[in-house]
Amino acid sequence: NNLSTPRVEFNFPGLQAGDKWCLCARR
């Protein structure tokens, strides 16, 4: 689950250290 790479098709900017994000509880 690569959260660092932007995914334009999902309007996802990609994350970097310091960003806040709602993670899946199991992950």
mmCIF file of all heavy atoms, coordinates in Angstrom:
data_MODEL
# 
_entry.id   MODEL 
# 
loop_
_atom_site.group_PDB 
_atom_site.id 
_atom_site.type_symbol 
_atom_site.label_atom_id 
_atom_site.label_alt_id 
_atom_site.label_comp_id 
_atom_site.label_asym_id 
_atom_site.label_entity_id 
_atom_site.label_seq_id 
_atom_site.pdbx_PDB_ins_code 
_atom_site.Cartn_x 
_atom_site.Cartn_y 
_atom_site.Cartn_z 
_atom_site.occupancy 
_atom_site.B_iso_or_equiv 
_atom_site.pdbx_formal_charge 
_atom_site.auth_seq_id 
_atom_site.auth_comp_id 
_atom_site.auth_asym_id 
_atom_site.auth_atom_id 
_atom_site.pdbx_PDB_model_num 
ATOM 1   N N   . ASN A 1 1  ? 0.859   -1.188 0.000   1.00 0.00 ? 1  ASN A N   1 
ATOM 2   C CA  . ASN A 1 1  ? 0.000   0.000  0.000   1.00 0.00 ? 1  ASN A CA  1 
ATOM 3   C C   . ASN A 1 1  ? 0.892   1.234  0.000   1.00 0.00 ? 1  ASN A C   1 
ATOM 4   O O   . ASN A 1 1  ? 1.247   1.758  1.053   1.00 0.00 ? 1  ASN A O   1 
ATOM 5   C CB  . ASN A 1 1  ? -0.928  -0.012 1.217   1.00 0.00 ? 1  ASN A CB  1 
ATOM 6   C CG  . ASN A 1 1  ? -1.939  1.116  1.164   1.00 0.00 ? 1  ASN A CG  1 
ATOM 7   O OD1 . ASN A 1 1  ? -2.170  1.715  0.128   1.00 0.00 ? 1  ASN A OD1 1 
ATOM 8   N ND2 . ASN A 1 1  ? -2.539  1.402  2.302   1.00 0.00 ? 1  ASN A ND2 1 
ATOM 9   N N   . ASN A 1 2  ? 1.226   1.701  -1.186  1.00 0.00 ? 2  ASN A N   1 
ATOM 10  C CA  . ASN A 1 2  ? 2.110   2.848  -1.351  1.00 0.00 ? 2  ASN A CA  1 
ATOM 11  C C   . ASN A 1 2  ? 1.318   4.136  -1.152  1.00 0.00 ? 2  ASN A C   1 
ATOM 12  O O   . ASN A 1 2  ? 0.571   4.548  -2.033  1.00 0.00 ? 2  ASN A O   1 
ATOM 13  C CB  . ASN A 1 2  ? 2.745   2.808  -2.735  1.00 0.00 ? 2  ASN A CB  1 
ATOM 14  C CG  . ASN A 1 2  ? 3.725   3.927  -2.956  1.00 0.00 ? 2  ASN A CG  1 
ATOM 15  O OD1 . ASN A 1 2  ? 3.837   4.853  -2.161  1.00 0.00 ? 2  ASN A OD1 1 
ATOM 16  N ND2 . ASN A 1 2  ? 4.446   3.852  -4.049  1.00 0.00 ? 2  ASN A ND2 1 
ATOM 17  N N   . LEU A 1 3  ? 1.493   4.751  0.004   1.00 0.00 ? 3  LEU A N   1 
ATOM 18  C CA  . LEU A 1 3  ? 0.802   6.001  0.305   1.00 0.00 ? 3  LEU A CA  1 
ATOM 19  C C   . LEU A 1 3  ? 1.623   7.225  -0.081  1.00 0.00 ? 3  LEU A C   1 
ATOM 20  O O   . LEU A 1 3  ? 1.136   8.344  0.013   1.00 0.00 ? 3  LEU A O   1 
ATOM 21  C CB  . LEU A 1 3  ? 0.465   6.076  1.800   1.00 0.00 ? 3  LEU A CB  1 
ATOM 22  C CG  . LEU A 1 3  ? -0.504  5.025  2.321   1.00 0.00 ? 3  LEU A CG  1 
ATOM 23  C CD1 . LEU A 1 3  ? -0.654  5.138  3.836   1.00 0.00 ? 3  LEU A CD1 1 
ATOM 24  C CD2 . LEU A 1 3  ? -1.850  5.157  1.639   1.00 0.00 ? 3  LEU A CD2 1 
ATOM 25  N N   . SER A 1 4  ? 2.856   7.022  -0.525  1.00 0.00 ? 4  SER A N   1 
ATOM 26  C CA  . SER A 1 4  ? 3.748   8.133  -0.844  1.00 0.00 ? 4  SER A CA  1 
ATOM 27  C C   . SER A 1 4  ? 3.586   8.648  -2.269  1.00 0.00 ? 4  SER A C   1 
ATOM 28  O O   . SER A 1 4  ? 3.848   9.823  -2.531  1.00 0.00 ? 4  SER A O   1 
ATOM 29  C CB  . SER A 1 4  ? 5.207   7.708  -0.647  1.00 0.00 ? 4  SER A CB  1 
ATOM 30  O OG  . SER A 1 4  ? 5.407   7.267  0.675   1.00 0.00 ? 4  SER A OG  1 
ATOM 31  N N   . THR A 1 5  ? 3.179   7.800  -3.167  1.00 0.00 ? 5  THR A N   1 
ATOM 32  C CA  . THR A 1 5  ? 3.085   8.175  -4.578  1.00 0.00 ? 5  THR A CA  1 
ATOM 33  C C   . THR A 1 5  ? 1.730   8.788  -4.892  1.00 0.00 ? 5  THR A C   1 
ATOM 34  O O   . THR A 1 5  ? 0.692   8.197  -4.581  1.00 0.00 ? 5  THR A O   1 
ATOM 35  C CB  . THR A 1 5  ? 3.309   6.932  -5.469  1.00 0.00 ? 5  THR A CB  1 
ATOM 36  O OG1 . THR A 1 5  ? 4.594   6.400  -5.160  1.00 0.00 ? 5  THR A OG1 1 
ATOM 37  C CG2 . THR A 1 5  ? 3.234   7.287  -6.938  1.00 0.00 ? 5  THR A CG2 1 
ATOM 38  N N   . PRO A 1 6  ? 1.722   9.981  -5.500  1.00 0.00 ? 6  PRO A N   1 
ATOM 39  C CA  . PRO A 1 6  ? 0.448   10.580 -5.911  1.00 0.00 ? 6  PRO A CA  1 
ATOM 40  C C   . PRO A 1 6  ? -0.298  9.686  -6.896  1.00 0.00 ? 6  PRO A C   1 
ATOM 41  O O   . PRO A 1 6  ? 0.315   8.999  -7.723  1.00 0.00 ? 6  PRO A O   1 
ATOM 42  C CB  . PRO A 1 6  ? 0.879   11.891 -6.595  1.00 0.00 ? 6  PRO A CB  1 
ATOM 43  C CG  . PRO A 1 6  ? 2.238   12.188 -6.054  1.00 0.00 ? 6  PRO A CG  1 
ATOM 44  C CD  . PRO A 1 6  ? 2.866   10.843 -5.813  1.00 0.00 ? 6  PRO A CD  1 
ATOM 45  N N   . ARG A 1 7  ? -1.618  9.678  -6.780  1.00 0.00 ? 7  ARG A N   1 
ATOM 46  C CA  . ARG A 1 7  ? -2.483  8.932  -7.708  1.00 0.00 ? 7  ARG A CA  1 
ATOM 47  C C   . ARG A 1 7  ? -3.534  9.903  -8.232  1.00 0.00 ? 7  ARG A C   1 
ATOM 48  O O   . ARG A 1 7  ? -4.588  10.092 -7.616  1.00 0.00 ? 7  ARG A O   1 
ATOM 49  C CB  . ARG A 1 7  ? -3.156  7.758  -6.993  1.00 0.00 ? 7  ARG A CB  1 
ATOM 50  C CG  . ARG A 1 7  ? -2.219  6.712  -6.400  1.00 0.00 ? 7  ARG A CG  1 
ATOM 51  C CD  . ARG A 1 7  ? -1.596  5.792  -7.441  1.00 0.00 ? 7  ARG A CD  1 
ATOM 52  N NE  . ARG A 1 7  ? -2.564  5.134  -8.285  1.00 0.00 ? 7  ARG A NE  1 
ATOM 53  C CZ  . ARG A 1 7  ? -3.065  3.923  -8.070  1.00 0.00 ? 7  ARG A CZ  1 
ATOM 54  N NH1 . ARG A 1 7  ? -2.707  3.229  -7.003  1.00 0.00 ? 7  ARG A NH1 1 
ATOM 55  N NH2 . ARG A 1 7  ? -3.935  3.406  -8.911  1.00 0.00 ? 7  ARG A NH2 1 
ATOM 56  N N   . VAL A 1 8  ? -3.216  10.535 -9.344  1.00 0.00 ? 8  VAL A N   1 
ATOM 57  C CA  . VAL A 1 8  ? -4.072  11.565 -9.921  1.00 0.00 ? 8  VAL A CA  1 
ATOM 58  C C   . VAL A 1 8  ? -5.484  11.043 -10.186 1.00 0.00 ? 8  VAL A C   1 
ATOM 59  O O   . VAL A 1 8  ? -6.469  11.736 -9.949  1.00 0.00 ? 8  VAL A O   1 
ATOM 60  C CB  . VAL A 1 8  ? -3.441  12.123 -11.219 1.00 0.00 ? 8  VAL A CB  1 
ATOM 61  C CG1 . VAL A 1 8  ? -4.339  13.168 -11.866 1.00 0.00 ? 8  VAL A CG1 1 
ATOM 62  C CG2 . VAL A 1 8  ? -2.073  12.699 -10.920 1.00 0.00 ? 8  VAL A CG2 1 
ATOM 63  N N   . GLU A 1 9  ? -5.575  9.786  -10.637 1.00 0.00 ? 9  GLU A N   1 
ATOM 64  C CA  . GLU A 1 9  ? -6.888  9.223  -10.980 1.00 0.00 ? 9  GLU A CA  1 
ATOM 65  C C   . GLU A 1 9  ? -7.808  9.104  -9.767  1.00 0.00 ? 9  GLU A C   1 
ATOM 66  O O   . GLU A 1 9  ? -9.022  9.014  -9.902  1.00 0.00 ? 9  GLU A O   1 
ATOM 67  C CB  . GLU A 1 9  ? -6.743  7.861  -11.669 1.00 0.00 ? 9  GLU A CB  1 
ATOM 68  C CG  . GLU A 1 9  ? -6.180  6.753  -10.806 1.00 0.00 ? 9  GLU A CG  1 
ATOM 69  C CD  . GLU A 1 9  ? -4.659  6.655  -10.764 1.00 0.00 ? 9  GLU A CD  1 
ATOM 70  O OE1 . GLU A 1 9  ? -3.969  7.660  -10.992 1.00 0.00 ? 9  GLU A OE1 1 
ATOM 71  O OE2 . GLU A 1 9  ? -4.149  5.555  -10.478 1.00 0.00 ? 9  GLU A OE2 1 
ATOM 72  N N   . PHE A 1 10 ? -7.227  9.110  -8.557  1.00 0.00 ? 10 PHE A N   1 
ATOM 73  C CA  . PHE A 1 10 ? -8.025  9.066  -7.332  1.00 0.00 ? 10 PHE A CA  1 
ATOM 74  C C   . PHE A 1 10 ? -7.987  10.385 -6.574  1.00 0.00 ? 10 PHE A C   1 
ATOM 75  O O   . PHE A 1 10 ? -8.417  10.458 -5.426  1.00 0.00 ? 10 PHE A O   1 
ATOM 76  C CB  . PHE A 1 10 ? -7.525  7.941  -6.411  1.00 0.00 ? 10 PHE A CB  1 
ATOM 77  C CG  . PHE A 1 10 ? -7.641  6.579  -7.019  1.00 0.00 ? 10 PHE A CG  1 
ATOM 78  C CD1 . PHE A 1 10 ? -6.519  5.805  -7.230  1.00 0.00 ? 10 PHE A CD1 1 
ATOM 79  C CD2 . PHE A 1 10 ? -8.876  6.063  -7.386  1.00 0.00 ? 10 PHE A CD2 1 
ATOM 80  C CE1 . PHE A 1 10 ? -6.609  4.540  -7.792  1.00 0.00 ? 10 PHE A CE1 1 
ATOM 81  C CE2 . PHE A 1 10 ? -8.981  4.806  -7.955  1.00 0.00 ? 10 PHE A CE2 1 
ATOM 82  C CZ  . PHE A 1 10 ? -7.848  4.042  -8.157  1.00 0.00 ? 10 PHE A CZ  1 
ATOM 83  N N   . ASN A 1 11 ? -7.437  11.422 -7.213  1.00 0.00 ? 11 ASN A N   1 
ATOM 84  C CA  . ASN A 1 11 ? -7.293  12.730 -6.577  1.00 0.00 ? 11 ASN A CA  1 
ATOM 85  C C   . ASN A 1 11 ? -6.525  12.604 -5.262  1.00 0.00 ? 11 ASN A C   1 
ATOM 86  O O   . ASN A 1 11 ? -6.871  13.218 -4.257  1.00 0.00 ? 11 ASN A O   1 
ATOM 87  C CB  . ASN A 1 11 ? -8.665  13.383 -6.362  1.00 0.00 ? 11 ASN A CB  1 
ATOM 88  C CG  . ASN A 1 11 ? -8.545  14.870 -6.102  1.00 0.00 ? 11 ASN A CG  1 
ATOM 89  O OD1 . ASN A 1 11 ? -7.574  15.514 -6.504  1.00 0.00 ? 11 ASN A OD1 1 
ATOM 90  N ND2 . ASN A 1 11 ? -9.531  15.413 -5.406  1.00 0.00 ? 11 ASN A ND2 1 
ATOM 91  N N   . PHE A 1 12 ? -5.495  11.760 -5.298  1.00 0.00 ? 12 PHE A N   1 
ATOM 92  C CA  . PHE A 1 12 ? -4.679  11.491 -4.105  1.00 0.00 ? 12 PHE A CA  1 
ATOM 93  C C   . PHE A 1 12 ? -3.298  12.112 -4.296  1.00 0.00 ? 12 PHE A C   1 
ATOM 94  O O   . PHE A 1 12 ? -2.571  11.737 -5.220  1.00 0.00 ? 12 PHE A O   1 
ATOM 95  C CB  . PHE A 1 12 ? -4.564  9.980  -3.882  1.00 0.00 ? 12 PHE A CB  1 
ATOM 96  C CG  . PHE A 1 12 ? -3.710  9.594  -2.711  1.00 0.00 ? 12 PHE A CG  1 
ATOM 97  C CD1 . PHE A 1 12 ? -4.124  9.848  -1.415  1.00 0.00 ? 12 PHE A CD1 1 
ATOM 98  C CD2 . PHE A 1 12 ? -2.477  8.988  -2.906  1.00 0.00 ? 12 PHE A CD2 1 
ATOM 99  C CE1 . PHE A 1 12 ? -3.333  9.497  -0.325  1.00 0.00 ? 12 PHE A CE1 1 
ATOM 100 C CE2 . PHE A 1 12 ? -1.682  8.628  -1.835  1.00 0.00 ? 12 PHE A CE2 1 
ATOM 101 C CZ  . PHE A 1 12 ? -2.108  8.893  -0.546  1.00 0.00 ? 12 PHE A CZ  1 
ATOM 102 N N   . PRO A 1 13 ? -2.925  13.061 -3.429  1.00 0.00 ? 13 PRO A N   1 
ATOM 103 C CA  . PRO A 1 13 ? -1.670  13.796 -3.621  1.00 0.00 ? 13 PRO A CA  1 
ATOM 104 C C   . PRO A 1 13 ? -0.413  13.032 -3.229  1.00 0.00 ? 13 PRO A C   1 
ATOM 105 O O   . PRO A 1 13 ? 0.690   13.474 -3.542  1.00 0.00 ? 13 PRO A O   1 
ATOM 106 C CB  . PRO A 1 13 ? -1.854  15.007 -2.705  1.00 0.00 ? 13 PRO A CB  1 
ATOM 107 C CG  . PRO A 1 13 ? -2.709  14.493 -1.589  1.00 0.00 ? 13 PRO A CG  1 
ATOM 108 C CD  . PRO A 1 13 ? -3.663  13.517 -2.256  1.00 0.00 ? 13 PRO A CD  1 
ATOM 109 N N   . GLY A 1 14 ? -0.555  11.906 -2.567  1.00 0.00 ? 14 GLY A N   1 
ATOM 110 C CA  . GLY A 1 14 ? 0.611   11.221 -2.001  1.00 0.00 ? 14 GLY A CA  1 
ATOM 111 C C   . GLY A 1 14 ? 0.946   11.852 -0.659  1.00 0.00 ? 14 GLY A C   1 
ATOM 112 O O   . GLY A 1 14 ? 0.743   13.053 -0.458  1.00 0.00 ? 14 GLY A O   1 
ATOM 113 N N   . LEU A 1 15 ? 1.410   11.034 0.261   1.00 0.00 ? 15 LEU A N   1 
ATOM 114 C CA  . LEU A 1 15 ? 1.686   11.514 1.614   1.00 0.00 ? 15 LEU A CA  1 
ATOM 115 C C   . LEU A 1 15 ? 3.186   11.565 1.875   1.00 0.00 ? 15 LEU A C   1 
ATOM 116 O O   . LEU A 1 15 ? 3.953   10.833 1.258   1.00 0.00 ? 15 LEU A O   1 
ATOM 117 C CB  . LEU A 1 15 ? 1.027   10.595 2.644   1.00 0.00 ? 15 LEU A CB  1 
ATOM 118 C CG  . LEU A 1 15 ? -0.493  10.451 2.542   1.00 0.00 ? 15 LEU A CG  1 
ATOM 119 C CD1 . LEU A 1 15 ? -0.986  9.426  3.548   1.00 0.00 ? 15 LEU A CD1 1 
ATOM 120 C CD2 . LEU A 1 15 ? -1.189  11.786 2.738   1.00 0.00 ? 15 LEU A CD2 1 
ATOM 121 N N   . GLN A 1 16 ? 3.551   12.426 2.808   1.00 0.00 ? 16 GLN A N   1 
ATOM 122 C CA  . GLN A 1 16 ? 4.931   12.496 3.257   1.00 0.00 ? 16 GLN A CA  1 
ATOM 123 C C   . GLN A 1 16 ? 4.936   12.608 4.778   1.00 0.00 ? 16 GLN A C   1 
ATOM 124 O O   . GLN A 1 16 ? 3.896   12.862 5.393   1.00 0.00 ? 16 GLN A O   1 
ATOM 125 C CB  . GLN A 1 16 ? 5.654   13.660 2.600   1.00 0.00 ? 16 GLN A CB  1 
ATOM 126 C CG  . GLN A 1 16 ? 4.993   15.004 2.821   1.00 0.00 ? 16 GLN A CG  1 
ATOM 127 C CD  . GLN A 1 16 ? 5.660   16.088 2.000   1.00 0.00 ? 16 GLN A CD  1 
ATOM 128 O OE1 . GLN A 1 16 ? 6.870   16.097 1.859   1.00 0.00 ? 16 GLN A OE1 1 
ATOM 129 N NE2 . GLN A 1 16 ? 4.879   16.993 1.462   1.00 0.00 ? 16 GLN A NE2 1 
ATOM 130 N N   . ALA A 1 17 ? 6.090   12.402 5.356   1.00 0.00 ? 17 ALA A N   1 
ATOM 131 C CA  . ALA A 1 17 ? 6.215   12.496 6.818   1.00 0.00 ? 17 ALA A CA  1 
ATOM 132 C C   . ALA A 1 17 ? 5.649   13.832 7.287   1.00 0.00 ? 17 ALA A C   1 
ATOM 133 O O   . ALA A 1 17 ? 5.880   14.871 6.676   1.00 0.00 ? 17 ALA A O   1 
ATOM 134 C CB  . ALA A 1 17 ? 7.672   12.345 7.227   1.00 0.00 ? 17 ALA A CB  1 
ATOM 135 N N   . GLY A 1 18 ? 4.850   13.758 8.353   1.00 0.00 ? 18 GLY A N   1 
ATOM 136 C CA  . GLY A 1 18 ? 4.220   14.948 8.916   1.00 0.00 ? 18 GLY A CA  1 
ATOM 137 C C   . GLY A 1 18 ? 2.772   15.117 8.509   1.00 0.00 ? 18 GLY A C   1 
ATOM 138 O O   . GLY A 1 18 ? 2.018   15.811 9.184   1.00 0.00 ? 18 GLY A O   1 
ATOM 139 N N   . ASP A 1 19 ? 2.357   14.492 7.399   1.00 0.00 ? 19 ASP A N   1 
ATOM 140 C CA  . ASP A 1 19 ? 0.960   14.570 6.977   1.00 0.00 ? 19 ASP A CA  1 
ATOM 141 C C   . ASP A 1 19 ? 0.090   13.751 7.923   1.00 0.00 ? 19 ASP A C   1 
ATOM 142 O O   . ASP A 1 19 ? 0.510   12.722 8.443   1.00 0.00 ? 19 ASP A O   1 
ATOM 143 C CB  . ASP A 1 19 ? 0.785   14.014 5.555   1.00 0.00 ? 19 ASP A CB  1 
ATOM 144 C CG  . ASP A 1 19 ? 1.332   14.926 4.484   1.00 0.00 ? 19 ASP A CG  1 
ATOM 145 O OD1 . ASP A 1 19 ? 1.506   16.132 4.749   1.00 0.00 ? 19 ASP A OD1 1 
ATOM 146 O OD2 . ASP A 1 19 ? 1.590   14.426 3.374   1.00 0.00 ? 19 ASP A OD2 1 
ATOM 147 N N   . LYS A 1 20 ? -1.135  14.205 8.116   1.00 0.00 ? 20 LYS A N   1 
ATOM 148 C CA  . LYS A 1 20 ? -2.115  13.474 8.916   1.00 0.00 ? 20 LYS A CA  1 
ATOM 149 C C   . LYS A 1 20 ? -3.015  12.701 7.963   1.00 0.00 ? 20 LYS A C   1 
ATOM 150 O O   . LYS A 1 20 ? -3.402  13.212 6.917   1.00 0.00 ? 20 LYS A O   1 
ATOM 151 C CB  . LYS A 1 20 ? -2.936  14.443 9.756   1.00 0.00 ? 20 LYS A CB  1 
ATOM 152 C CG  . LYS A 1 20 ? -2.108  15.225 10.743  1.00 0.00 ? 20 LYS A CG  1 
ATOM 153 C CD  . LYS A 1 20 ? -2.926  16.314 11.395  1.00 0.00 ? 20 LYS A CD  1 
ATOM 154 C CE  . LYS A 1 20 ? -2.030  17.245 12.176  1.00 0.00 ? 20 LYS A CE  1 
ATOM 155 N NZ  . LYS A 1 20 ? -2.697  18.507 12.454  1.00 0.00 ? 20 LYS A NZ  1 
ATOM 156 N N   . TRP A 1 21 ? -3.355  11.464 8.362   1.00 0.00 ? 21 TRP A N   1 
ATOM 157 C CA  . TRP A 1 21 ? -4.135  10.592 7.471   1.00 0.00 ? 21 TRP A CA  1 
ATOM 158 C C   . TRP A 1 21 ? -4.941  9.605  8.297   1.00 0.00 ? 21 TRP A C   1 
ATOM 159 O O   . TRP A 1 21 ? -4.510  9.177  9.364   1.00 0.00 ? 21 TRP A O   1 
ATOM 160 C CB  . TRP A 1 21 ? -3.183  9.845  6.542   1.00 0.00 ? 21 TRP A CB  1 
ATOM 161 C CG  . TRP A 1 21 ? -3.846  9.169  5.391   1.00 0.00 ? 21 TRP A CG  1 
ATOM 162 C CD1 . TRP A 1 21 ? -3.939  7.822  5.181   1.00 0.00 ? 21 TRP A CD1 1 
ATOM 163 C CD2 . TRP A 1 21 ? -4.495  9.786  4.276   1.00 0.00 ? 21 TRP A CD2 1 
ATOM 164 N NE1 . TRP A 1 21 ? -4.605  7.572  4.015   1.00 0.00 ? 21 TRP A NE1 1 
ATOM 165 C CE2 . TRP A 1 21 ? -4.963  8.768  3.431   1.00 0.00 ? 21 TRP A CE2 1 
ATOM 166 C CE3 . TRP A 1 21 ? -4.742  11.119 3.920   1.00 0.00 ? 21 TRP A CE3 1 
ATOM 167 C CZ2 . TRP A 1 21 ? -5.656  9.022  2.257   1.00 0.00 ? 21 TRP A CZ2 1 
ATOM 168 C CZ3 . TRP A 1 21 ? -5.429  11.367 2.750   1.00 0.00 ? 21 TRP A CZ3 1 
ATOM 169 C CH2 . TRP A 1 21 ? -5.872  10.340 1.935   1.00 0.00 ? 21 TRP A CH2 1 
ATOM 170 N N   . CYS A 1 22 ? -6.101  9.232  7.821   1.00 0.00 ? 22 CYS A N   1 
ATOM 171 C CA  . CYS A 1 22 ? -6.929  8.223  8.475   1.00 0.00 ? 22 CYS A CA  1 
ATOM 172 C C   . CYS A 1 22 ? -6.508  6.840  7.975   1.00 0.00 ? 22 CYS A C   1 
ATOM 173 O O   . CYS A 1 22 ? -6.787  6.473  6.839   1.00 0.00 ? 22 CYS A O   1 
ATOM 174 C CB  . CYS A 1 22 ? -8.405  8.462  8.174   1.00 0.00 ? 22 CYS A CB  1 
ATOM 175 S SG  . CYS A 1 22 ? -9.041  10.001 8.858   1.00 0.00 ? 22 CYS A SG  1 
ATOM 176 N N   . LEU A 1 23 ? -5.829  6.122  8.829   1.00 0.00 ? 23 LEU A N   1 
ATOM 177 C CA  . LEU A 1 23 ? -5.325  4.800  8.477   1.00 0.00 ? 23 LEU A CA  1 
ATOM 178 C C   . LEU A 1 23 ? -6.348  3.711  8.760   1.00 0.00 ? 23 LEU A C   1 
ATOM 179 O O   . LEU A 1 23 ? -7.177  3.839  9.674   1.00 0.00 ? 23 LEU A O   1 
ATOM 180 C CB  . LEU A 1 23 ? -4.068  4.479  9.288   1.00 0.00 ? 23 LEU A CB  1 
ATOM 181 C CG  . LEU A 1 23 ? -2.837  5.303  8.993   1.00 0.00 ? 23 LEU A CG  1 
ATOM 182 C CD1 . LEU A 1 23 ? -1.707  4.889  9.937   1.00 0.00 ? 23 LEU A CD1 1 
ATOM 183 C CD2 . LEU A 1 23 ? -2.411  5.150  7.549   1.00 0.00 ? 23 LEU A CD2 1 
ATOM 184 N N   . CYS A 1 24 ? -6.223  2.626  8.008   1.00 0.00 ? 24 CYS A N   1 
ATOM 185 C CA  . CYS A 1 24 ? -6.998  1.418  8.315   1.00 0.00 ? 24 CYS A CA  1 
ATOM 186 C C   . CYS A 1 24 ? -6.516  0.889  9.662   1.00 0.00 ? 24 CYS A C   1 
ATOM 187 O O   . CYS A 1 24 ? -5.307  0.791  9.903   1.00 0.00 ? 24 CYS A O   1 
ATOM 188 C CB  . CYS A 1 24 ? -6.786  0.363  7.249   1.00 0.00 ? 24 CYS A CB  1 
ATOM 189 S SG  . CYS A 1 24 ? -7.445  0.802  5.639   1.00 0.00 ? 24 CYS A SG  1 
ATOM 190 N N   . ALA A 1 25 ? -7.448  0.556  10.502  1.00 0.00 ? 25 ALA A N   1 
ATOM 191 C CA  . ALA A 1 25 ? -7.102  0.112  11.855  1.00 0.00 ? 25 ALA A CA  1 
ATOM 192 C C   . ALA A 1 25 ? -6.209  -1.131 11.834  1.00 0.00 ? 25 ALA A C   1 
ATOM 193 O O   . ALA A 1 25 ? -5.249  -1.223 12.604  1.00 0.00 ? 25 ALA A O   1 
ATOM 194 C CB  . ALA A 1 25 ? -8.373  -0.152 12.661  1.00 0.00 ? 25 ALA A CB  1 
ATOM 195 N N   . ARG A 1 26 ? -6.477  -2.067 10.960  1.00 0.00 ? 26 ARG A N   1 
ATOM 196 C CA  . ARG A 1 26 ? -5.660  -3.285 10.909  1.00 0.00 ? 26 ARG A CA  1 
ATOM 197 C C   . ARG A 1 26 ? -4.227  -2.998 10.458  1.00 0.00 ? 26 ARG A C   1 
ATOM 198 O O   . ARG A 1 26 ? -3.290  -3.610 10.955  1.00 0.00 ? 26 ARG A O   1 
ATOM 199 C CB  . ARG A 1 26 ? -6.299  -4.331 10.002  1.00 0.00 ? 26 ARG A CB  1 
ATOM 200 C CG  . ARG A 1 26 ? -7.579  -4.895 10.597  1.00 0.00 ? 26 ARG A CG  1 
ATOM 201 C CD  . ARG A 1 26 ? -8.079  -6.121 9.851   1.00 0.00 ? 26 ARG A CD  1 
ATOM 202 N NE  . ARG A 1 26 ? -9.464  -6.425 10.078  1.00 0.00 ? 26 ARG A NE  1 
ATOM 203 C CZ  . ARG A 1 26 ? -10.038 -6.708 11.242  1.00 0.00 ? 26 ARG A CZ  1 
ATOM 204 N NH1 . ARG A 1 26 ? -9.315  -6.701 12.327  1.00 0.00 ? 26 ARG A NH1 1 
ATOM 205 N NH2 . ARG A 1 26 ? -11.318 -6.976 11.341  1.00 0.00 ? 26 ARG A NH2 1 
ATOM 206 N N   . ARG A 1 27 ? -4.040  -2.090 9.512   1.00 0.00 ? 27 ARG A N   1 
ATOM 207 C CA  . ARG A 1 27 ? -2.681  -1.745 9.081   1.00 0.00 ? 27 ARG A CA  1 
ATOM 208 C C   . ARG A 1 27 ? -1.915  -1.064 10.220  1.00 0.00 ? 27 ARG A C   1 
ATOM 209 O O   . ARG A 1 27 ? -0.749  -1.329 10.445  1.00 0.00 ? 27 ARG A O   1 
ATOM 210 C CB  . ARG A 1 27 ? -2.716  -0.855 7.832   1.00 0.00 ? 27 ARG A CB  1 
ATOM 211 C CG  . ARG A 1 27 ? -1.348  -0.362 7.331   1.00 0.00 ? 27 ARG A CG  1 
ATOM 212 C CD  . ARG A 1 27 ? -0.290  -1.458 7.127   1.00 0.00 ? 27 ARG A CD  1 
ATOM 213 N NE  . ARG A 1 27 ? -0.728  -2.614 6.414   1.00 0.00 ? 27 ARG A NE  1 
ATOM 214 C CZ  . ARG A 1 27 ? -0.680  -2.806 5.096   1.00 0.00 ? 27 ARG A CZ  1 
ATOM 215 N NH1 . ARG A 1 27 ? -0.183  -1.877 4.326   1.00 0.00 ? 27 ARG A NH1 1 
ATOM 216 N NH2 . ARG A 1 27 ? -1.122  -3.929 4.564   1.00 0.00 ? 27 ARG A NH2 1 
# 
